[in-house]
C-alpha cells in the first residue's frame, strides 16, 4: 500500500518521514512539497538517495504557515 492511500492516523510517529508520508501529513502534493523545499521553507535531509523530512521540520513548517496566516489576518484588519 502506498503512502498516498494512508490516512495521517495510519502513518507511524517517526523522527524522519519519506516525501510520500510528508505529503499525506501536510495534505500537499508532491510538487508543492518540492517547491517548499526549494524555497527553503521546509527542511529535509538525505540518507543515501532518499530525501527525508524531519518531524521537527514538519512542525516548524506548520508553525510558519500559522504565523503567516495570523500576519495576513492582522494586515487585513488594519
PDB file of N, CA and C in Angstrom:
ATOM      1  N   UNK A   1       0.857  -1.178   0.000  1.00  0.00           N
ATOM      2  CA  UNK A   1       0.000   0.000   0.000  1.00  0.00           C
ATOM      3  C   UNK A   1       0.897   1.233   0.000  1.00  0.00           C
ATOM      4  N   UNK A   2       0.663   2.165  -0.904  1.00  0.00           N
ATOM      5  CA  UNK A   2       1.490   3.370  -0.968  1.00  0.00           C
ATOM      6  C   UNK A   2       1.037   4.369   0.080  1.00  0.00           C
ATOM      7  N   UNK A   3       1.915   5.310   0.402  1.00  0.00           N
ATOM      8  CA  UNK A   3       1.602   6.318   1.424  1.00  0.00           C
ATOM      9  C   UNK A   3       0.410   7.171   1.020  1.00  0.00           C
ATOM     10  N   UNK A   4       0.185   7.335  -0.275  1.00  0.00           N
ATOM     11  CA  UNK A   4      -0.941   8.142  -0.733  1.00  0.00           C
ATOM     12  C   UNK A   4      -2.276   7.540  -0.298  1.00  0.00           C
ATOM     13  N   UNK A   5      -2.286   6.250   0.015  1.00  0.00           N
ATOM     14  CA  UNK A   5      -3.512   5.593   0.447  1.00  0.00           C
ATOM     15  C   UNK A   5      -3.651   5.542   1.965  1.00  0.00           C
ATOM     16  N   UNK A   6      -2.650   6.040   2.671  1.00  0.00           N
ATOM     17  CA  UNK A   6      -2.717   6.094   4.126  1.00  0.00           C
ATOM     18  C   UNK A   6      -3.491   7.318   4.563  1.00  0.00           C
ATOM     19  N   UNK A   7      -4.133   7.204   5.698  1.00  0.00           N
ATOM     20  CA  UNK A   7      -4.647   8.399   6.351  1.00  0.00           C
ATOM     21  C   UNK A   7      -3.539   8.848   7.300  1.00  0.00           C
ATOM     22  N   UNK A   8      -3.534  10.116   7.707  1.00  0.00           N
ATOM     23  CA  UNK A   8      -2.486  10.561   8.626  1.00  0.00           C
ATOM     24  C   UNK A   8      -2.411   9.716   9.897  1.00  0.00           C
ATOM     25  N   UNK A   9      -3.551   9.194  10.355  1.00  0.00           N
ATOM     26  CA  UNK A   9      -3.567   8.387  11.568  1.00  0.00           C
ATOM     27  C   UNK A   9      -2.856   7.047  11.377  1.00  0.00           C
ATOM     28  N   UNK A  10      -2.742   6.584  10.141  1.00  0.00           N
ATOM     29  CA  UNK A  10      -2.113   5.294   9.868  1.00  0.00           C
ATOM     30  C   UNK A  10      -0.601   5.388   9.712  1.00  0.00           C
ATOM     31  N   UNK A  11      -0.077   6.600   9.631  1.00  0.00           N
ATOM     32  CA  UNK A  11       1.364   6.779   9.479  1.00  0.00           C
ATOM     33  C   UNK A  11       1.981   6.794  10.875  1.00  0.00           C
ATOM     34  N   UNK A  12       2.936   5.912  11.133  1.00  0.00           N
ATOM     35  CA  UNK A  12       3.526   5.858  12.474  1.00  0.00           C
ATOM     36  C   UNK A  12       4.319   7.124  12.796  1.00  0.00           C
ATOM     37  N   UNK A  13       4.387   7.453  14.083  1.00  0.00           N
ATOM     38  CA  UNK A  13       5.214   8.577  14.514  1.00  0.00           C
ATOM     39  C   UNK A  13       6.669   8.195  14.324  1.00  0.00           C
ATOM     40  N   UNK A  14       7.400   9.072  13.642  1.00  0.00           N
ATOM     41  CA  UNK A  14       8.810   8.824  13.360  1.00  0.00           C
ATOM     42  C   UNK A  14       9.577  10.117  13.539  1.00  0.00           C
ATOM     43  N   UNK A  15      10.885  10.017  13.508  1.00  0.00           N
ATOM     44  CA  UNK A  15      11.723  11.210  13.508  1.00  0.00           C
ATOM     45  C   UNK A  15      11.937  11.723  12.093  1.00  0.00           C
ATOM     46  N   UNK A  16      11.891  10.819  11.109  1.00  0.00           N
ATOM     47  CA  UNK A  16      12.091  11.166   9.698  1.00  0.00           C
ATOM     48  C   UNK A  16      10.983  10.540   8.865  1.00  0.00           C
ATOM     49  N   UNK A  17      10.469  11.320   7.915  1.00  0.00           N
ATOM     50  CA  UNK A  17       9.395  10.838   7.040  1.00  0.00           C
ATOM     51  C   UNK A  17       9.819  10.918   5.580  1.00  0.00           C
ATOM     52  N   UNK A  18       9.541   9.866   4.803  1.00  0.00           N
ATOM     53  CA  UNK A  18       9.758   9.970   3.363  1.00  0.00           C
ATOM     54  C   UNK A  18       8.783  10.995   2.773  1.00  0.00           C
ATOM     55  N   UNK A  19       9.091  11.482   1.603  1.00  0.00           N
ATOM     56  CA  UNK A  19       8.276  12.513   0.950  1.00  0.00           C
ATOM     57  C   UNK A  19       6.812  12.086   0.867  1.00  0.00           C
ATOM     58  N   UNK A  20       6.552  10.848   0.484  1.00  0.00           N
ATOM     59  CA  UNK A  20       5.157  10.395   0.328  1.00  0.00           C
ATOM     60  C   UNK A  20       4.375  10.508   1.626  1.00  0.00           C
ATOM     61  N   UNK A  21       5.003  10.202   2.744  1.00  0.00           N
ATOM     62  CA  UNK A  21       4.305  10.322   4.023  1.00  0.00           C
ATOM     63  C   UNK A  21       4.159  11.783   4.425  1.00  0.00           C
ATOM     64  N   UNK A  22       5.166  12.605   4.145  1.00  0.00           N
ATOM     65  CA  UNK A  22       5.062  14.045   4.419  1.00  0.00           C
ATOM     66  C   UNK A  22       3.920  14.655   3.603  1.00  0.00           C
ATOM     67  N   UNK A  23       3.737  14.168   2.384  1.00  0.00           N
ATOM     68  CA  UNK A  23       2.633  14.641   1.542  1.00  0.00           C
ATOM     69  C   UNK A  23       1.297  14.400   2.241  1.00  0.00           C
ATOM     70  N   UNK A  24       1.128  13.220   2.801  1.00  0.00           N
ATOM     71  CA  UNK A  24      -0.123  12.871   3.480  1.00  0.00           C
ATOM     72  C   UNK A  24      -0.282  13.707   4.743  1.00  0.00           C
ATOM     73  N   UNK A  25       0.780  13.792   5.537  1.00  0.00           N
ATOM     74  CA  UNK A  25       0.705  14.517   6.802  1.00  0.00           C
ATOM     75  C   UNK A  25       0.410  16.001   6.610  1.00  0.00           C
ATOM     76  N   UNK A  26       0.951  16.600   5.547  1.00  0.00           N
ATOM     77  CA  UNK A  26       0.741  18.028   5.287  1.00  0.00           C
ATOM     78  C   UNK A  26      -0.434  18.284   4.340  1.00  0.00           C
ATOM     79  N   UNK A  27      -1.023  17.234   3.805  1.00  0.00           N
ATOM     80  CA  UNK A  27      -2.114  17.359   2.823  1.00  0.00           C
ATOM     81  C   UNK A  27      -1.679  18.229   1.640  1.00  0.00           C
ATOM     82  N   UNK A  28      -0.507  17.918   1.106  1.00  0.00           N
ATOM     83  CA  UNK A  28       0.061  18.668  -0.016  1.00  0.00           C
ATOM     84  C   UNK A  28       0.512  17.709  -1.103  1.00  0.00           C
ATOM     85  N   UNK A  29       0.562  18.223  -2.314  1.00  0.00           N
ATOM     86  CA  UNK A  29       1.023  17.418  -3.436  1.00  0.00           C
ATOM     87  C   UNK A  29       2.544  17.308  -3.415  1.00  0.00           C
ATOM     88  N   UNK A  30       3.043  16.355  -4.154  1.00  0.00           N
ATOM     89  CA  UNK A  30       4.486  16.159  -4.284  1.00  0.00           C
ATOM     90  C   UNK A  30       5.154  17.419  -4.814  1.00  0.00           C
ATOM     91  N   UNK A  31       4.567  18.043  -5.823  1.00  0.00           N
ATOM     92  CA  UNK A  31       5.181  19.240  -6.405  1.00  0.00           C
ATOM     93  C   UNK A  31       5.209  20.390  -5.400  1.00  0.00           C
ATOM     94  N   UNK A  32       4.172  20.522  -4.588  1.00  0.00           N
ATOM     95  CA  UNK A  32       4.149  21.584  -3.574  1.00  0.00           C
ATOM     96  C   UNK A  32       5.217  21.329  -2.518  1.00  0.00           C
ATOM     97  N   UNK A  33       5.372  20.078  -2.098  1.00  0.00           N
ATOM     98  CA  UNK A  33       6.414  19.743  -1.127  1.00  0.00           C
ATOM     99  C   UNK A  33       7.775  20.136  -1.681  1.00  0.00           C
ATOM    100  N   UNK A  34       8.065  19.770  -2.928  1.00  0.00           N
ATOM    101  CA  UNK A  34       9.365  20.098  -3.514  1.00  0.00           C
ATOM    102  C   UNK A  34       9.527  21.600  -3.724  1.00  0.00           C
ATOM    103  N   UNK A  35       8.467  22.317  -4.047  1.00  0.00           N
ATOM    104  CA  UNK A  35       8.542  23.785  -4.151  1.00  0.00           C
ATOM    105  C   UNK A  35       8.946  24.391  -2.814  1.00  0.00           C
ATOM    106  N   UNK A  36       8.341  23.903  -1.737  1.00  0.00           N
ATOM    107  CA  UNK A  36       8.640  24.415  -0.405  1.00  0.00           C
ATOM    108  C   UNK A  36      10.071  24.056   0.010  1.00  0.00           C
ATOM    109  N   UNK A  37      10.553  22.896  -0.383  1.00  0.00           N
ATOM    110  CA  UNK A  37      11.940  22.518  -0.124  1.00  0.00           C
ATOM    111  C   UNK A  37      12.897  23.444  -0.874  1.00  0.00           C
ATOM    112  N   UNK A  38      12.618  23.693  -2.165  1.00  0.00           N
ATOM    113  CA  UNK A  38      13.482  24.570  -2.965  1.00  0.00           C
ATOM    114  C   UNK A  38      13.494  25.994  -2.417  1.00  0.00           C
ATOM    115  N   UNK A  39      12.348  26.446  -1.912  1.00  0.00           N
ATOM    116  CA  UNK A  39      12.239  27.803  -1.375  1.00  0.00           C
ATOM    117  C   UNK A  39      12.873  27.915   0.010  1.00  0.00           C
ATOM    118  N   UNK A  40      13.251  26.798   0.615  1.00  0.00           N
ATOM    119  CA  UNK A  40      13.854  26.830   1.941  1.00  0.00           C
ATOM    120  C   UNK A  40      12.845  26.965   3.068  1.00  0.00           C
ATOM    121  N   UNK A  41      11.572  26.802   2.751  1.00  0.00           N
ATOM    122  CA  UNK A  41      10.517  26.917   3.760  1.00  0.00           C
ATOM    123  C   UNK A  41      10.302  25.604   4.510  1.00  0.00           C
ATOM    124  N   UNK A  42      10.751  24.512   3.928  1.00  0.00           N
ATOM    125  CA  UNK A  42      10.639  23.182   4.527  1.00  0.00           C
ATOM    126  C   UNK A  42      12.014  22.532   4.430  1.00  0.00           C
ATOM    127  N   UNK A  43      12.506  22.019   5.552  1.00  0.00           N
ATOM    128  CA  UNK A  43      13.829  21.397   5.584  1.00  0.00           C
ATOM    129  C   UNK A  43      13.739  19.906   5.275  1.00  0.00           C
ATOM    130  N   UNK A  44      14.850  19.391   4.769  1.00  0.00           N
ATOM    131  CA  UNK A  44      14.949  17.946   4.551  1.00  0.00           C
ATOM    132  C   UNK A  44      16.386  17.509   4.779  1.00  0.00           C
ATOM    133  N   UNK A  45      16.554  16.209   4.891  1.00  0.00           N
ATOM    134  CA  UNK A  45      17.879  15.605   4.981  1.00  0.00           C
ATOM    135  C   UNK A  45      17.922  14.489   3.946  1.00  0.00           C
ATOM    136  N   UNK A  46      19.120  14.084   3.599  1.00  0.00           N
ATOM    137  CA  UNK A  46      19.247  12.950   2.689  1.00  0.00           C
ATOM    138  C   UNK A  46      19.981  11.823   3.396  1.00  0.00           C
ATOM    139  N   UNK A  47      19.550  10.627   3.094  1.00  0.00           N
ATOM    140  CA  UNK A  47      20.205   9.407   3.564  1.00  0.00           C
ATOM    141  C   UNK A  47      20.385   8.553   2.326  1.00  0.00           C
ATOM    142  N   UNK A  48      21.602   8.516   1.823  1.00  0.00           N
ATOM    143  CA  UNK A  48      21.829   7.850   0.546  1.00  0.00           C
ATOM    144  C   UNK A  48      21.081   8.610  -0.538  1.00  0.00           C
ATOM    145  N   UNK A  49      20.245   7.909  -1.281  1.00  0.00           N
ATOM    146  CA  UNK A  49      19.467   8.541  -2.353  1.00  0.00           C
ATOM    147  C   UNK A  49      18.104   9.005  -1.867  1.00  0.00           C
ATOM    148  N   UNK A  50      17.787   8.769  -0.597  1.00  0.00           N
ATOM    149  CA  UNK A  50      16.464   9.120  -0.074  1.00  0.00           C
ATOM    150  C   UNK A  50      16.453  10.513   0.545  1.00  0.00           C
ATOM    151  N   UNK A  51      15.427  11.267   0.216  1.00  0.00           N
ATOM    152  CA  UNK A  51      15.206  12.564   0.854  1.00  0.00           C
ATOM    153  C   UNK A  51      14.144  12.356   1.923  1.00  0.00           C
ATOM    154  N   UNK A  52      14.460  12.776   3.136  1.00  0.00           N
ATOM    155  CA  UNK A  52      13.575  12.583   4.278  1.00  0.00           C
ATOM    156  C   UNK A  52      13.285  13.919   4.941  1.00  0.00           C
ATOM    157  N   UNK A  53      12.084  14.049   5.477  1.00  0.00           N
ATOM    158  CA  UNK A  53      11.671  15.267   6.147  1.00  0.00           C
ATOM    159  C   UNK A  53      11.656  14.984   7.653  1.00  0.00           C
ATOM    160  N   UNK A  54      12.471  15.704   8.436  1.00  0.00           N
ATOM    161  CA  UNK A  54      12.428  15.505   9.886  1.00  0.00           C
ATOM    162  C   UNK A  54      11.079  15.923  10.465  1.00  0.00           C
ATOM    163  N   UNK A  55      10.640  15.223  11.494  1.00  0.00           N
ATOM    164  CA  UNK A  55       9.389  15.582  12.159  1.00  0.00           C
ATOM    165  C   UNK A  55       9.454  17.020  12.652  1.00  0.00           C
ATOM    166  N   UNK A  56      10.607  17.446  13.136  1.00  0.00           N
ATOM    167  CA  UNK A  56      10.749  18.823  13.610  1.00  0.00           C
ATOM    168  C   UNK A  56      10.543  19.824  12.475  1.00  0.00           C
ATOM    169  N   UNK A  57      10.962  19.473  11.258  1.00  0.00           N
ATOM    170  CA  UNK A  57      10.773  20.357  10.110  1.00  0.00           C
ATOM    171  C   UNK A  57       9.291  20.472   9.751  1.00  0.00           C
ATOM    172  N   UNK A  58       8.552  19.385   9.897  1.00  0.00           N
ATOM    173  CA  UNK A  58       7.106  19.440   9.645  1.00  0.00           C
ATOM    174  C   UNK A  58       6.442  20.393  10.636  1.00  0.00           C
ATOM    175  N   UNK A  59       6.814  20.286  11.913  1.00  0.00           N
ATOM    176  CA  UNK A  59       6.243  21.159  12.939  1.00  0.00           C
ATOM    177  C   UNK A  59       6.616  22.620  12.691  1.00  0.00           C
ATOM    178  N   UNK A  60       7.876  22.869  12.315  1.00  0.00           N
ATOM    179  CA  UNK A  60       8.315  24.236  12.025  1.00  0.00           C
ATOM    180  C   UNK A  60       7.556  24.811  10.826  1.00  0.00           C
ATOM    181  N   UNK A  61       7.341  23.994   9.814  1.00  0.00           N
ATOM    182  CA  UNK A  61       6.637  24.446   8.623  1.00  0.00           C
ATOM    183  C   UNK A  61       5.188  24.811   8.945  1.00  0.00           C
ATOM    184  N   UNK A  62       4.520  23.994   9.742  1.00  0.00           N
ATOM    185  CA  UNK A  62       3.142  24.292  10.135  1.00  0.00           C
ATOM    186  C   UNK A  62       3.109  25.577  10.964  1.00  0.00           C
ATOM    187  N   UNK A  63       4.078  25.751  11.852  1.00  0.00           N
ATOM    188  CA  UNK A  63       4.154  26.991  12.637  1.00  0.00           C
ATOM    189  C   UNK A  63       4.354  28.198  11.731  1.00  0.00           C
ATOM    190  N   UNK A  64       5.182  28.053  10.701  1.00  0.00           N
ATOM    191  CA  UNK A  64       5.393  29.131   9.741  1.00  0.00           C
ATOM    192  C   UNK A  64       4.091  29.483   9.024  1.00  0.00           C
ATOM    193  N   UNK A  65       3.346  28.480   8.605  1.00  0.00           N
ATOM    194  CA  UNK A  65       2.072  28.719   7.931  1.00  0.00           C
ATOM    195  C   UNK A  65       1.088  29.421   8.862  1.00  0.00           C
ATOM    196  N   UNK A  66       1.052  28.999  10.121  1.00  0.00           N
ATOM    197  CA  UNK A  66       0.157  29.635  11.096  1.00  0.00           C
ATOM    198  C   UNK A  66       0.544  31.098  11.316  1.00  0.00           C
ATOM    199  N   UNK A  67       1.845  31.368  11.424  1.00  0.00           N
ATOM    200  CA  UNK A  67       2.336  32.732  11.620  1.00  0.00           C
ATOM    201  C   UNK A  67       1.963  33.607  10.424  1.00  0.00           C
ATOM    202  N   UNK A  68       2.171  33.079   9.223  1.00  0.00           N
ATOM    203  CA  UNK A  68       1.827  33.841   8.015  1.00  0.00           C
ATOM    204  C   UNK A  68       0.330  34.124   7.945  1.00  0.00           C
ATOM    205  N   UNK A  69      -0.485  33.156   8.315  1.00  0.00           N
ATOM    206  CA  UNK A  69      -1.938  33.348   8.303  1.00  0.00           C
ATOM    207  C   UNK A  69      -2.339  34.408   9.321  1.00  0.00           C
ATOM    208  N   UNK A  70      -1.725  34.374  10.488  1.00  0.00           N
ATOM    209  CA  UNK A  70      -2.026  35.351  11.531  1.00  0.00           C
ATOM    210  C   UNK A  70      -1.606  36.753  11.084  1.00  0.00           C
ATOM    211  N   UNK A  71      -0.437  36.876  10.450  1.00  0.00           N
ATOM    212  CA  UNK A  71       0.037  38.174   9.963  1.00  0.00           C
ATOM    213  C   UNK A  71      -0.882  38.706   8.860  1.00  0.00           C
ATOM    214  N   UNK A  72      -1.337  37.815   7.994  1.00  0.00           N
ATOM    215  CA  UNK A  72      -2.250  38.235   6.913  1.00  0.00           C
ATOM    216  C   UNK A  72      -3.579  38.714   7.495  1.00  0.00           C
ATOM    217  N   UNK A  73      -4.067  38.019   8.498  1.00  0.00           N
ATOM    218  CA  UNK A  73      -5.329  38.421   9.134  1.00  0.00           C
ATOM    219  C   UNK A  73      -5.180  39.772   9.831  1.00  0.00           C
ATOM    220  N   UNK A  74      -4.026  39.983  10.478  1.00  0.00           N
ATOM    221  CA  UNK A  74      -3.768  41.255  11.152  1.00  0.00           C
ATOM    222  C   UNK A  74      -3.677  42.392  10.151  1.00  0.00           C
ATOM    223  N   UNK A  75      -3.048  42.127   9.006  1.00  0.00           N
ATOM    224  CA  UNK A  75      -2.904  43.158   7.974  1.00  0.00           C
ATOM    225  C   UNK A  75      -4.257  43.509   7.371  1.00  0.00           C
ATOM    226  N   UNK A  76      -5.120  42.524   7.212  1.00  0.00           N
ATOM    227  CA  UNK A  76      -6.462  42.782   6.666  1.00  0.00           C
ATOM    228  C   UNK A  76      -7.304  43.576   7.646  1.00  0.00           C
ATOM    229  N   UNK A  77      -7.112  43.339   8.940  1.00  0.00           N
ATOM    230  CA  UNK A  77      -7.904  44.029   9.968  1.00  0.00           C
ATOM    231  C   UNK A  77      -7.458  45.474  10.121  1.00  0.00           C
ATOM    232  N   UNK A  78      -6.241  45.779   9.734  1.00  0.00           N
ATOM    233  CA  UNK A  78      -5.717  47.138   9.907  1.00  0.00           C
ATOM    234  C   UNK A  78      -6.180  48.089   8.839  1.00  0.00           C
TER     235      UNK A  78
END
